Amino acid sequence: MKFFMTEAWAQSSQPTIGTDVDFWLTLIIFSAFFLIYYVLVIRPRLSRHKERFKMIASLGKGDEIITNGGLLGKVIQMGDSFLLLELADGIEIKVEKNAVSRTVPKGTIKGL
């Protein structure tokens, strides 16, 4: 019956040497994972957030923008948190500043 069950060996009650090394090795591995995650995920997201904030802060009257909903229009009035967009002649809508997806070069609306 021995080949069906392995014999259990009793463990000694003395602490093993190297538990300090295991702790530091684990700490170094977790630190390396966090560093890789920071470089690959967090840092690019922060830089995109800064660029978007600069773009929204630099908006002015006459700029042509695209909203998150896909509307293309020209800024005709600026408020603290809203923009008045002209989509076509006589068609104006109010849009929140945070809904601006990107700016497009001037003359894009006439080119369409």
PDB file of N, CA and C in Angstrom:
ATOM      1  N   MET A   1       0.797  -1.202   0.000  1.00  0.00           N
ATOM      2  CA  MET A   1       0.000   0.000   0.000  1.00  0.00           C
ATOM      3  C   MET A   1       0.844   1.272   0.000  1.00  0.00           C
ATOM      4  N   LYS A   2       2.149   1.148   0.138  1.00  0.00           N
ATOM      5  CA  LYS A   2       2.983   2.336   0.217  1.00  0.00           C
ATOM      6  C   LYS A   2       2.991   3.129  -1.078  1.00  0.00           C
ATOM      7  N   PHE A   3       2.832   2.492  -2.215  1.00  0.00           N
ATOM      8  CA  PHE A   3       2.924   3.282  -3.429  1.00  0.00           C
ATOM      9  C   PHE A   3       1.644   4.071  -3.691  1.00  0.00           C
ATOM     10  N   PHE A   4       0.551   3.819  -2.951  1.00  0.00           N
ATOM     11  CA  PHE A   4      -0.644   4.655  -3.053  1.00  0.00           C
ATOM     12  C   PHE A   4      -0.555   5.895  -2.170  1.00  0.00           C
ATOM     13  N   MET A   5       0.161   5.812  -1.057  1.00  0.00           N
ATOM     14  CA  MET A   5       0.292   6.937  -0.131  1.00  0.00           C
ATOM     15  C   MET A   5       1.766   7.180   0.150  1.00  0.00           C
ATOM     16  N   THR A   6       2.116   8.462   0.147  1.00  0.00           N
ATOM     17  CA  THR A   6       3.493   8.790   0.505  1.00  0.00           C
ATOM     18  C   THR A   6       3.581   8.954   2.010  1.00  0.00           C
ATOM     19  N   GLU A   7       4.733   8.717   2.534  1.00  0.00           N
ATOM     20  CA  GLU A   7       4.919   8.847   3.971  1.00  0.00           C
ATOM     21  C   GLU A   7       5.025  10.317   4.333  1.00  0.00           C
ATOM     22  N   ALA A   8       4.401  10.722   5.419  1.00  0.00           N
ATOM     23  CA  ALA A   8       4.444  12.102   5.898  1.00  0.00           C
ATOM     24  C   ALA A   8       5.671  12.268   6.777  1.00  0.00           C
ATOM     25  N   TRP A   9       6.414  13.284   6.503  1.00  0.00           N
ATOM     26  CA  TRP A   9       7.599  13.571   7.289  1.00  0.00           C
ATOM     27  C   TRP A   9       7.263  14.713   8.239  1.00  0.00           C
ATOM     28  N   ALA A  10       7.598  14.578   9.452  1.00  0.00           N
ATOM     29  CA  ALA A  10       7.333  15.611  10.457  1.00  0.00           C
ATOM     30  C   ALA A  10       8.283  16.777  10.224  1.00  0.00           C
ATOM     31  N   GLN A  11       7.745  17.976  10.392  1.00  0.00           N
ATOM     32  CA  GLN A  11       8.580  19.165  10.214  1.00  0.00           C
ATOM     33  C   GLN A  11       9.169  19.565  11.554  1.00  0.00           C
ATOM     34  N   SER A  12      10.341  20.139  11.495  1.00  0.00           N
ATOM     35  CA  SER A  12      10.980  20.564  12.731  1.00  0.00           C
ATOM     36  C   SER A  12      10.320  21.855  13.222  1.00  0.00           C
ATOM     37  N   SER A  13      10.392  22.109  14.493  1.00  0.00           N
ATOM     38  CA  SER A  13       9.764  23.293  15.071  1.00  0.00           C
ATOM     39  C   SER A  13      10.689  24.506  15.014  1.00  0.00           C
ATOM     40  N   GLN A  14      11.895  24.334  14.536  1.00  0.00           N
ATOM     41  CA  GLN A  14      12.829  25.444  14.439  1.00  0.00           C
ATOM     42  C   GLN A  14      12.516  26.269  13.183  1.00  0.00           C
ATOM     43  N   PRO A  15      12.626  27.593  13.307  1.00  0.00           N
ATOM     44  CA  PRO A  15      12.356  28.422  12.119  1.00  0.00           C
ATOM     45  C   PRO A  15      13.414  28.179  11.052  1.00  0.00           C
ATOM     46  N   THR A  16      12.992  28.260   9.815  1.00  0.00           N
ATOM     47  CA  THR A  16      13.930  28.022   8.726  1.00  0.00           C
ATOM     48  C   THR A  16      14.754  29.272   8.462  1.00  0.00           C
ATOM     49  N   ILE A  17      15.924  29.082   7.983  1.00  0.00           N
ATOM     50  CA  ILE A  17      16.809  30.189   7.646  1.00  0.00           C
ATOM     51  C   ILE A  17      16.367  30.759   6.306  1.00  0.00           C
ATOM     52  N   GLY A  18      16.351  32.082   6.186  1.00  0.00           N
ATOM     53  CA  GLY A  18      16.028  32.693   4.915  1.00  0.00           C
ATOM     54  C   GLY A  18      14.640  33.303   4.848  1.00  0.00           C
ATOM     55  N   THR A  19      13.898  33.357   5.941  1.00  0.00           N
ATOM     56  CA  THR A  19      12.575  33.982   5.901  1.00  0.00           C
ATOM     57  C   THR A  19      12.696  35.472   5.645  1.00  0.00           C
ATOM     58  N   ASP A  20      13.763  36.091   6.112  1.00  0.00           N
ATOM     59  CA  ASP A  20      14.015  37.506   5.836  1.00  0.00           C
ATOM     60  C   ASP A  20      14.252  37.728   4.342  1.00  0.00           C
ATOM     61  N   VAL A  21      14.967  36.818   3.737  1.00  0.00           N
ATOM     62  CA  VAL A  21      15.251  36.911   2.309  1.00  0.00           C
ATOM     63  C   VAL A  21      13.958  36.774   1.510  1.00  0.00           C
ATOM     64  N   ASP A  22      13.093  35.865   1.918  1.00  0.00           N
ATOM     65  CA  ASP A  22      11.816  35.689   1.234  1.00  0.00           C
ATOM     66  C   ASP A  22      10.971  36.960   1.302  1.00  0.00           C
ATOM     67  N   PHE A  23      10.960  37.616   2.459  1.00  0.00           N
ATOM     68  CA  PHE A  23      10.201  38.862   2.610  1.00  0.00           C
ATOM     69  C   PHE A  23      10.720  39.928   1.657  1.00  0.00           C
ATOM     70  N   TRP A  24      12.033  40.129   1.627  1.00  0.00           N
ATOM     71  CA  TRP A  24      12.602  41.172   0.774  1.00  0.00           C
ATOM     72  C   TRP A  24      12.439  40.852  -0.705  1.00  0.00           C
ATOM     73  N   LEU A  25      12.551  39.583  -1.054  1.00  0.00           N
ATOM     74  CA  LEU A  25      12.345  39.181  -2.443  1.00  0.00           C
ATOM     75  C   LEU A  25      10.896  39.434  -2.876  1.00  0.00           C
ATOM     76  N   THR A  26       9.943  39.108  -2.016  1.00  0.00           N
ATOM     77  CA  THR A  26       8.531  39.375  -2.302  1.00  0.00           C
ATOM     78  C   THR A  26       8.288  40.871  -2.442  1.00  0.00           C
ATOM     79  N   LEU A  27       8.869  41.650  -1.566  1.00  0.00           N
ATOM     80  CA  LEU A  27       8.714  43.104  -1.623  1.00  0.00           C
ATOM     81  C   LEU A  27       9.295  43.670  -2.913  1.00  0.00           C
ATOM     82  N   ILE A  28      10.433  43.174  -3.331  1.00  0.00           N
ATOM     83  CA  ILE A  28      11.060  43.640  -4.578  1.00  0.00           C
ATOM     84  C   ILE A  28      10.201  43.255  -5.782  1.00  0.00           C
ATOM     85  N   ILE A  29       9.641  42.062  -5.774  1.00  0.00           N
ATOM     86  CA  ILE A  29       8.800  41.628  -6.899  1.00  0.00           C
ATOM     87  C   ILE A  29       7.543  42.485  -6.992  1.00  0.00           C
ATOM     88  N   PHE A  30       6.866  42.734  -5.856  1.00  0.00           N
ATOM     89  CA  PHE A  30       5.673  43.582  -5.883  1.00  0.00           C
ATOM     90  C   PHE A  30       6.012  45.011  -6.297  1.00  0.00           C
ATOM     91  N   SER A  31       7.149  45.510  -5.859  1.00  0.00           N
ATOM     92  CA  SER A  31       7.577  46.853  -6.261  1.00  0.00           C
ATOM     93  C   SER A  31       7.840  46.919  -7.759  1.00  0.00           C
ATOM     94  N   ALA A  32       8.449  45.874  -8.296  1.00  0.00           N
ATOM     95  CA  ALA A  32       8.712  45.841  -9.739  1.00  0.00           C
ATOM     96  C   ALA A  32       7.403  45.809 -10.524  1.00  0.00           C
ATOM     97  N   PHE A  33       6.418  45.019 -10.066  1.00  0.00           N
ATOM     98  CA  PHE A  33       5.119  44.989 -10.739  1.00  0.00           C
ATOM     99  C   PHE A  33       4.442  46.344 -10.690  1.00  0.00           C
ATOM    100  N   PHE A  34       4.488  47.014  -9.544  1.00  0.00           N
ATOM    101  CA  PHE A  34       3.881  48.340  -9.429  1.00  0.00           C
ATOM    102  C   PHE A  34       4.585  49.332 -10.345  1.00  0.00           C
ATOM    103  N   LEU A  35       5.894  49.274 -10.412  1.00  0.00           N
ATOM    104  CA  LEU A  35       6.650  50.181 -11.280  1.00  0.00           C
ATOM    105  C   LEU A  35       6.283  49.965 -12.747  1.00  0.00           C
ATOM    106  N   ILE A  36       6.188  48.720 -13.168  1.00  0.00           N
ATOM    107  CA  ILE A  36       5.802  48.415 -14.549  1.00  0.00           C
ATOM    108  C   ILE A  36       4.382  48.905 -14.815  1.00  0.00           C
ATOM    109  N   TYR A  37       3.458  48.689 -13.881  1.00  0.00           N
ATOM    110  CA  TYR A  37       2.074  49.151 -14.026  1.00  0.00           C
ATOM    111  C   TYR A  37       2.032  50.676 -14.110  1.00  0.00           C
ATOM    112  N   TYR A  38       2.828  51.350 -13.283  1.00  0.00           N
ATOM    113  CA  TYR A  38       2.861  52.813 -13.307  1.00  0.00           C
ATOM    114  C   TYR A  38       3.358  53.323 -14.654  1.00  0.00           C
ATOM    115  N   VAL A  39       4.428  52.743 -15.159  1.00  0.00           N
ATOM    116  CA  VAL A  39       5.013  53.215 -16.418  1.00  0.00           C
ATOM    117  C   VAL A  39       4.105  52.910 -17.608  1.00  0.00           C
ATOM    118  N   LEU A  40       3.459  51.757 -17.613  1.00  0.00           N
ATOM    119  CA  LEU A  40       2.658  51.358 -18.766  1.00  0.00           C
ATOM    120  C   LEU A  40       1.211  51.851 -18.727  1.00  0.00           C
ATOM    121  N   VAL A  41       0.643  52.104 -17.530  1.00  0.00           N
ATOM    122  CA  VAL A  41      -0.773  52.440 -17.442  1.00  0.00           C
ATOM    123  C   VAL A  41      -1.016  53.824 -16.850  1.00  0.00           C
ATOM    124  N   ILE A  42      -0.514  54.081 -15.666  1.00  0.00           N
ATOM    125  CA  ILE A  42      -0.865  55.303 -14.945  1.00  0.00           C
ATOM    126  C   ILE A  42      -0.258  56.532 -15.593  1.00  0.00           C
ATOM    127  N   ARG A  43       1.019  56.503 -15.918  1.00  0.00           N
ATOM    128  CA  ARG A  43       1.699  57.681 -16.462  1.00  0.00           C
ATOM    129  C   ARG A  43       1.127  58.138 -17.809  1.00  0.00           C
ATOM    130  N   PRO A  44       0.875  57.230 -18.773  1.00  0.00           N
ATOM    131  CA  PRO A  44       0.270  57.692 -20.026  1.00  0.00           C
ATOM    132  C   PRO A  44      -1.128  58.280 -19.818  1.00  0.00           C
ATOM    133  N   ARG A  45      -1.896  57.706 -18.896  1.00  0.00           N
ATOM    134  CA  ARG A  45      -3.231  58.229 -18.634  1.00  0.00           C
ATOM    135  C   ARG A  45      -3.160  59.631 -18.042  1.00  0.00           C
ATOM    136  N   LEU A  46      -2.217  59.874 -17.149  1.00  0.00           N
ATOM    137  CA  LEU A  46      -2.059  61.210 -16.572  1.00  0.00           C
ATOM    138  C   LEU A  46      -1.642  62.230 -17.631  1.00  0.00           C
ATOM    139  N   SER A  47      -0.773  61.826 -18.541  1.00  0.00           N
ATOM    140  CA  SER A  47      -0.341  62.769 -19.584  1.00  0.00           C
ATOM    141  C   SER A  47      -1.482  63.067 -20.550  1.00  0.00           C
ATOM    142  N   ARG A  48      -2.317  62.066 -20.883  1.00  0.00           N
ATOM    143  CA  ARG A  48      -3.490  62.333 -21.734  1.00  0.00           C
ATOM    144  C   ARG A  48      -4.473  63.253 -21.026  1.00  0.00           C
ATOM    145  N   HIS A  49      -4.635  63.077 -19.718  1.00  0.00           N
ATOM    146  CA  HIS A  49      -5.532  63.929 -18.941  1.00  0.00           C
ATOM    147  C   HIS A  49      -5.041  65.377 -18.945  1.00  0.00           C
ATOM    148  N   LYS A  50      -3.735  65.581 -18.790  1.00  0.00           N
ATOM    149  CA  LYS A  50      -3.174  66.931 -18.814  1.00  0.00           C
ATOM    150  C   LYS A  50      -3.371  67.582 -20.186  1.00  0.00           C
ATOM    151  N   GLU A  51      -3.135  66.828 -21.261  1.00  0.00           N
ATOM    152  CA  GLU A  51      -3.321  67.361 -22.615  1.00  0.00           C
ATOM    153  C   GLU A  51      -4.769  67.746 -22.858  1.00  0.00           C
ATOM    154  N   ARG A  52      -5.705  66.923 -22.396  1.00  0.00           N
ATOM    155  CA  ARG A  52      -7.126  67.224 -22.566  1.00  0.00           C
ATOM    156  C   ARG A  52      -7.510  68.470 -21.779  1.00  0.00           C
ATOM    157  N   PHE A  53      -6.996  68.597 -20.565  1.00  0.00           N
ATOM    158  CA  PHE A  53      -7.290  69.766 -19.749  1.00  0.00           C
ATOM    159  C   PHE A  53      -6.758  71.040 -20.422  1.00  0.00           C
ATOM    160  N   LYS A  54      -5.550  70.973 -20.987  1.00  0.00           N
ATOM    161  CA  LYS A  54      -4.990  72.124 -21.702  1.00  0.00           C
ATOM    162  C   LYS A  54      -5.825  72.473 -22.920  1.00  0.00           C
ATOM    163  N   MET A  55      -6.291  71.449 -23.648  1.00  0.00           N
ATOM    164  CA  MET A  55      -7.101  71.680 -24.840  1.00  0.00           C
ATOM    165  C   MET A  55      -8.414  72.366 -24.470  1.00  0.00           C
ATOM    166  N   ILE A  56      -9.068  71.919 -23.419  1.00  0.00           N
ATOM    167  CA  ILE A  56     -10.329  72.525 -23.008  1.00  0.00           C
ATOM    168  C   ILE A  56     -10.104  73.943 -22.504  1.00  0.00           C
ATOM    169  N   ALA A  57      -9.001  74.173 -21.785  1.00  0.00           N
ATOM    170  CA  ALA A  57      -8.707  75.507 -21.271  1.00  0.00           C
ATOM    171  C   ALA A  57      -8.351  76.478 -22.395  1.00  0.00           C
ATOM    172  N   SER A  58      -7.821  75.982 -23.503  1.00  0.00           N
ATOM    173  CA  SER A  58      -7.402  76.865 -24.587  1.00  0.00           C
ATOM    174  C   SER A  58      -8.498  77.124 -25.617  1.00  0.00           C
ATOM    175  N   LEU A  59      -9.685  76.566 -25.419  1.00  0.00           N
ATOM    176  CA  LEU A  59     -10.775  76.800 -26.363  1.00  0.00           C
ATOM    177  C   LEU A  59     -11.156  78.273 -26.380  1.00  0.00           C
ATOM    178  N   GLY A  60     -11.490  78.749 -27.554  1.00  0.00           N
ATOM    179  CA  GLY A  60     -11.899  80.140 -27.693  1.00  0.00           C
ATOM    180  C   GLY A  60     -12.983  80.288 -28.740  1.00  0.00           C
ATOM    181  N   LYS A  61     -13.494  81.482 -28.838  1.00  0.00           N
ATOM    182  CA  LYS A  61     -14.543  81.773 -29.806  1.00  0.00           C
ATOM    183  C   LYS A  61     -13.986  81.585 -31.215  1.00  0.00           C
ATOM    184  N   GLY A  62     -14.726  80.874 -32.054  1.00  0.00           N
ATOM    185  CA  GLY A  62     -14.314  80.630 -33.430  1.00  0.00           C
ATOM    186  C   GLY A  62     -13.624  79.300 -33.651  1.00  0.00           C
ATOM    187  N   ASP A  63     -13.271  78.586 -32.578  1.00  0.00           N
ATOM    188  CA  ASP A  63     -12.640  77.269 -32.719  1.00  0.00           C
ATOM    189  C   ASP A  63     -13.670  76.251 -33.201  1.00  0.00           C
ATOM    190  N   GLU A  64     -13.239  75.317 -34.003  1.00  0.00           N
ATOM    191  CA  GLU A  64     -14.102  74.249 -34.480  1.00  0.00           C
ATOM    192  C   GLU A  64     -13.763  72.988 -33.699  1.00  0.00           C
ATOM    193  N   ILE A  65     -14.813  72.342 -33.183  1.00  0.00           N
ATOM    194  CA  ILE A  65     -14.616  71.193 -32.297  1.00  0.00           C
ATOM    195  C   ILE A  65     -15.521  70.044 -32.700  1.00  0.00           C
ATOM    196  N   ILE A  66     -15.183  68.870 -32.169  1.00  0.00           N
ATOM    197  CA  ILE A  66     -16.031  67.692 -32.270  1.00  0.00           C
ATOM    198  C   ILE A  66     -16.363  67.276 -30.844  1.00  0.00           C
ATOM    199  N   THR A  67     -17.640  67.030 -30.569  1.00  0.00           N
ATOM    200  CA  THR A  67     -18.056  66.620 -29.238  1.00  0.00           C
ATOM    201  C   THR A  67     -17.963  65.104 -29.099  1.00  0.00           C
ATOM    202  N   ASN A  68     -18.171  64.631 -27.873  1.00  0.00           N
ATOM    203  CA  ASN A  68     -18.161  63.181 -27.632  1.00  0.00           C
ATOM    204  C   ASN A  68     -19.278  62.479 -28.388  1.00  0.00           C
ATOM    205  N   GLY A  69     -20.350  63.192 -28.671  1.00  0.00           N
ATOM    206  CA  GLY A  69     -21.459  62.611 -29.414  1.00  0.00           C
ATOM    207  C   GLY A  69     -21.265  62.635 -30.913  1.00  0.00           C
ATOM    208  N   GLY A  70     -20.168  63.243 -31.381  1.00  0.00           N
ATOM    209  CA  GLY A  70     -19.873  63.263 -32.804  1.00  0.00           C
ATOM    210  C   GLY A  70     -20.364  64.507 -33.525  1.00  0.00           C
ATOM    211  N   LEU A  71     -20.824  65.517 -32.790  1.00  0.00           N
ATOM    212  CA  LEU A  71     -21.287  66.747 -33.420  1.00  0.00           C
ATOM    213  C   LEU A  71     -20.099  67.637 -33.755  1.00  0.00           C
ATOM    214  N   LEU A  72     -20.118  68.192 -34.959  1.00  0.00           N
ATOM    215  CA  LEU A  72     -19.061  69.093 -35.415  1.00  0.00           C
ATOM    216  C   LEU A  72     -19.643  70.498 -35.442  1.00  0.00           C
ATOM    217  N   GLY A  73     -18.985  71.416 -34.756  1.00  0.00           N
ATOM    218  CA  GLY A  73     -19.510  72.775 -34.719  1.00  0.00           C
ATOM    219  C   GLY A  73     -18.455  73.803 -34.404  1.00  0.00           C
ATOM    220  N   LYS A  74     -18.876  75.071 -34.509  1.00  0.00           N
ATOM    221  CA  LYS A  74     -17.992  76.200 -34.236  1.00  0.00           C
ATOM    222  C   LYS A  74     -18.432  76.854 -32.933  1.00  0.00           C
ATOM    223  N   VAL A  75     -17.478  77.156 -32.064  1.00  0.00           N
ATOM    224  CA  VAL A  75     -17.773  77.808 -30.789  1.00  0.00           C
ATOM    225  C   VAL A  75     -18.127  79.257 -31.071  1.00  0.00           C
ATOM    226  N   ILE A  76     -19.328  79.677 -30.616  1.00  0.00           N
ATOM    227  CA  ILE A  76     -19.712  81.081 -30.827  1.00  0.00           C
ATOM    228  C   ILE A  76     -19.831  81.841 -29.515  1.00  0.00           C
ATOM    229  N   GLN A  77     -19.922  81.112 -28.396  1.00  0.00           N
ATOM    230  CA  GLN A  77     -19.969  81.774 -27.101  1.00  0.00           C
ATOM    231  C   GLN A  77     -19.411  80.833 -26.048  1.00  0.00           C
ATOM    232  N   MET A  78     -18.652  81.397 -25.097  1.00  0.00           N
ATOM    233  CA  MET A  78     -18.033  80.596 -24.041  1.00  0.00           C
ATOM    234  C   MET A  78     -18.613  81.006 -22.692  1.00  0.00           C
ATOM    235  N   GLY A  79     -18.921  80.010 -21.871  1.00  0.00           N
ATOM    236  CA  GLY A  79     -19.326  80.256 -20.501  1.00  0.00           C
ATOM    237  C   GLY A  79     -18.345  79.586 -19.558  1.00  0.00           C
ATOM    238  N   ASP A  80     -18.704  79.564 -18.271  1.00  0.00           N
ATOM    239  CA  ASP A  80     -17.823  78.912 -17.305  1.00  0.00           C
ATOM    240  C   ASP A  80     -17.755  77.404 -17.522  1.00  0.00           C
ATOM    241  N   SER A  81     -18.916  76.787 -17.742  1.00  0.00           N
ATOM    242  CA  SER A  81     -18.918  75.339 -17.912  1.00  0.00           C
ATOM    243  C   SER A  81     -19.642  74.884 -19.180  1.00  0.00           C
ATOM    244  N   PHE A  82     -20.187  75.834 -19.952  1.00  0.00           N
ATOM    245  CA  PHE A  82     -20.899  75.470 -21.180  1.00  0.00           C
ATOM    246  C   PHE A  82     -20.381  76.267 -22.365  1.00  0.00           C
ATOM    247  N   LEU A  83     -20.557  75.693 -23.548  1.00  0.00           N
ATOM    248  CA  LEU A  83     -20.218  76.339 -24.809  1.00  0.00           C
ATOM    249  C   LEU A  83     -21.482  76.449 -25.646  1.00  0.00           C
ATOM    250  N   LEU A  84     -21.571  77.481 -26.457  1.00  0.00           N
ATOM    251  CA  LEU A  84     -22.640  77.583 -27.430  1.00  0.00           C
ATOM    252  C   LEU A  84     -22.030  77.262 -28.778  1.00  0.00           C
ATOM    253  N   LEU A  85     -22.519  76.183 -29.389  1.00  0.00           N
ATOM    254  CA  LEU A  85     -21.983  75.717 -30.668  1.00  0.00           C
ATOM    255  C   LEU A  85     -22.953  76.044 -31.795  1.00  0.00           C
ATOM    256  N   GLU A  86     -22.379  76.420 -32.917  1.00  0.00           N
ATOM    257  CA  GLU A  86     -23.166  76.600 -34.120  1.00  0.00           C
ATOM    258  C   GLU A  86     -22.879  75.399 -35.018  1.00  0.00           C
ATOM    259  N   LEU A  87     -23.903  74.562 -35.200  1.00  0.00           N
ATOM    260  CA  LEU A  87     -23.739  73.364 -36.018  1.00  0.00           C
ATOM    261  C   LEU A  87     -23.902  73.680 -37.501  1.00  0.00           C
ATOM    262  N   ALA A  88     -24.861  74.530 -37.818  1.00  0.00           N
ATOM    263  CA  ALA A  88     -25.116  74.984 -39.185  1.00  0.00           C
ATOM    264  C   ALA A  88     -25.699  76.396 -39.064  1.00  0.00           C
ATOM    265  N   ASP A  89     -26.001  77.044 -40.174  1.00  0.00           N
ATOM    266  CA  ASP A  89     -26.570  78.389 -40.118  1.00  0.00           C
ATOM    267  C   ASP A  89     -27.889  78.365 -39.362  1.00  0.00           C
ATOM    268  N   GLY A  90     -27.937  79.076 -38.245  1.00  0.00           N
ATOM    269  CA  GLY A  90     -29.162  79.182 -37.458  1.00  0.00           C
ATOM    270  C   GLY A  90     -29.401  78.047 -36.481  1.00  0.00           C
ATOM    271  N   ILE A  91     -28.546  77.034 -36.450  1.00  0.00           N
ATOM    272  CA  ILE A  91     -28.719  75.912 -35.514  1.00  0.00           C
ATOM    273  C   ILE A  91     -27.628  75.997 -34.458  1.00  0.00           C
ATOM    274  N   GLU A  92     -28.071  76.331 -33.238  1.00  0.00           N
ATOM    275  CA  GLU A  92     -27.135  76.489 -32.124  1.00  0.00           C
ATOM    276  C   GLU A  92     -27.545  75.577 -30.980  1.00  0.00           C
ATOM    277  N   ILE A  93     -26.573  75.000 -30.316  1.00  0.00           N
ATOM    278  CA  ILE A  93     -26.838  74.157 -29.144  1.00  0.00           C
ATOM    279  C   ILE A  93     -25.854  74.506 -28.044  1.00  0.00           C
ATOM    280  N   LYS A  94     -26.272  74.234 -26.800  1.00  0.00           N
ATOM    281  CA  LYS A  94     -25.371  74.389 -25.660  1.00  0.00           C
ATOM    282  C   LYS A  94     -24.780  73.026 -25.333  1.00  0.00           C
ATOM    283  N   VAL A  95     -23.484  73.018 -25.127  1.00  0.00           N
ATOM    284  CA  VAL A  95     -22.755  71.780 -24.833  1.00  0.00           C
ATOM    285  C   VAL A  95     -21.854  72.038 -23.631  1.00  0.00           C
ATOM    286  N   GLU A  96     -21.742  71.058 -22.760  1.00  0.00           N
ATOM    287  CA  GLU A  96     -20.835  71.174 -21.630  1.00  0.00           C
ATOM    288  C   GLU A  96     -19.391  71.110 -22.128  1.00  0.00           C
ATOM    289  N   LYS A  97     -18.510  71.860 -21.475  1.00  0.00           N
ATOM    290  CA  LYS A  97     -17.103  71.890 -21.916  1.00  0.00           C
ATOM    291  C   LYS A  97     -16.464  70.504 -21.869  1.00  0.00           C
ATOM    292  N   ASN A  98     -16.836  69.712 -20.894  1.00  0.00           N
ATOM    293  CA  ASN A  98     -16.247  68.377 -20.769  1.00  0.00           C
ATOM    294  C   ASN A  98     -16.687  67.438 -21.881  1.00  0.00           C
ATOM    295  N   ALA A  99     -17.710  67.829 -22.656  1.00  0.00           N
ATOM    296  CA  ALA A  99     -18.175  66.987 -23.754  1.00  0.00           C
ATOM    297  C   ALA A  99     -17.352  67.191 -25.021  1.00  0.00           C
ATOM    298  N   VAL A 100     -16.388  68.097 -24.979  1.00  0.00           N
ATOM    299  CA  VAL A 100     -15.534  68.337 -26.146  1.00  0.00           C
ATOM    300  C   VAL A 100     -14.542  67.197 -26.268  1.00  0.00           C
ATOM    301  N   SER A 101     -14.553  66.557 -27.425  1.00  0.00           N
ATOM    302  CA  SER A 101     -13.651  65.432 -27.661  1.00  0.00           C
ATOM    303  C   SER A 101     -12.309  65.906 -28.207  1.00  0.00           C
ATOM    304  N   ARG A 102     -12.356  66.760 -29.235  1.00  0.00           N
ATOM    305  CA  ARG A 102     -11.114  67.260 -29.831  1.00  0.00           C
ATOM    306  C   ARG A 102     -11.406  68.493 -30.662  1.00  0.00           C
ATOM    307  N   THR A 103     -10.357  69.198 -30.975  1.00  0.00           N
ATOM    308  CA  THR A 103     -10.480  70.348 -31.864  1.00  0.00           C
ATOM    309  C   THR A 103     -10.050  69.924 -33.257  1.00  0.00           C
ATOM    310  N   VAL A 104     -10.591  70.608 -34.243  1.00  0.00           N
ATOM    311  CA  VAL A 104     -10.224  70.329 -35.630  1.00  0.00           C
ATOM    312  C   VAL A 104      -9.718  71.622 -36.250  1.00  0.00           C
ATOM    313  N   PRO A 105      -8.931  71.537 -37.318  1.00  0.00           N
ATOM    314  CA  PRO A 105      -8.417  72.747 -37.959  1.00  0.00           C
ATOM    315  C   PRO A 105      -9.551  73.624 -38.480  1.00  0.00           C
ATOM    316  N   LYS A 106      -9.326  74.935 -38.449  1.00  0.00           N
ATOM    317  CA  LYS A 106     -10.341  75.861 -38.926  1.00  0.00           C
ATOM    318  C   LYS A 106     -10.563  75.645 -40.417  1.00  0.00           C
ATOM    319  N   GLY A 107     -11.831  75.721 -40.818  1.00  0.00           N
ATOM    320  CA  GLY A 107     -12.191  75.495 -42.205  1.00  0.00           C
ATOM    321  C   GLY A 107     -12.672  74.078 -42.457  1.00  0.00           C
ATOM    322  N   THR A 108     -12.657  73.245 -41.455  1.00  0.00           N
ATOM    323  CA  THR A 108     -13.100  71.858 -41.628  1.00  0.00           C
ATOM    324  C   THR A 108     -14.599  71.806 -41.929  1.00  0.00           C
ATOM    325  N   ILE A 109     -15.359  72.665 -41.285  1.00  0.00           N
ATOM    326  CA  ILE A 109     -16.822  72.652 -41.482  1.00  0.00           C
ATOM    327  C   ILE A 109     -17.158  73.038 -42.924  1.00  0.00           C
ATOM    328  N   LYS A 110     -16.482  74.035 -43.450  1.00  0.00           N
ATOM    329  CA  LYS A 110     -16.756  74.460 -44.825  1.00  0.00           C
ATOM    330  C   LYS A 110     -16.280  73.421 -45.831  1.00  0.00           C
ATOM    331  N   GLY A 111     -15.290  72.645 -45.495  1.00  0.00           N
ATOM    332  CA  GLY A 111     -14.764  71.621 -46.378  1.00  0.00           C
ATOM    333  C   GLY A 111     -15.684  70.421 -46.535  1.00  0.00           C
ATOM    334  N   LEU A 112     -16.622  70.280 -45.604  1.00  0.00           N
ATOM    335  CA  LEU A 112     -17.542  69.144 -45.685  1.00  0.00           C
ATOM    336  C   LEU A 112     -18.672  69.536 -46.540  1.00  0.00           C
TER     337      LEU A 112
END
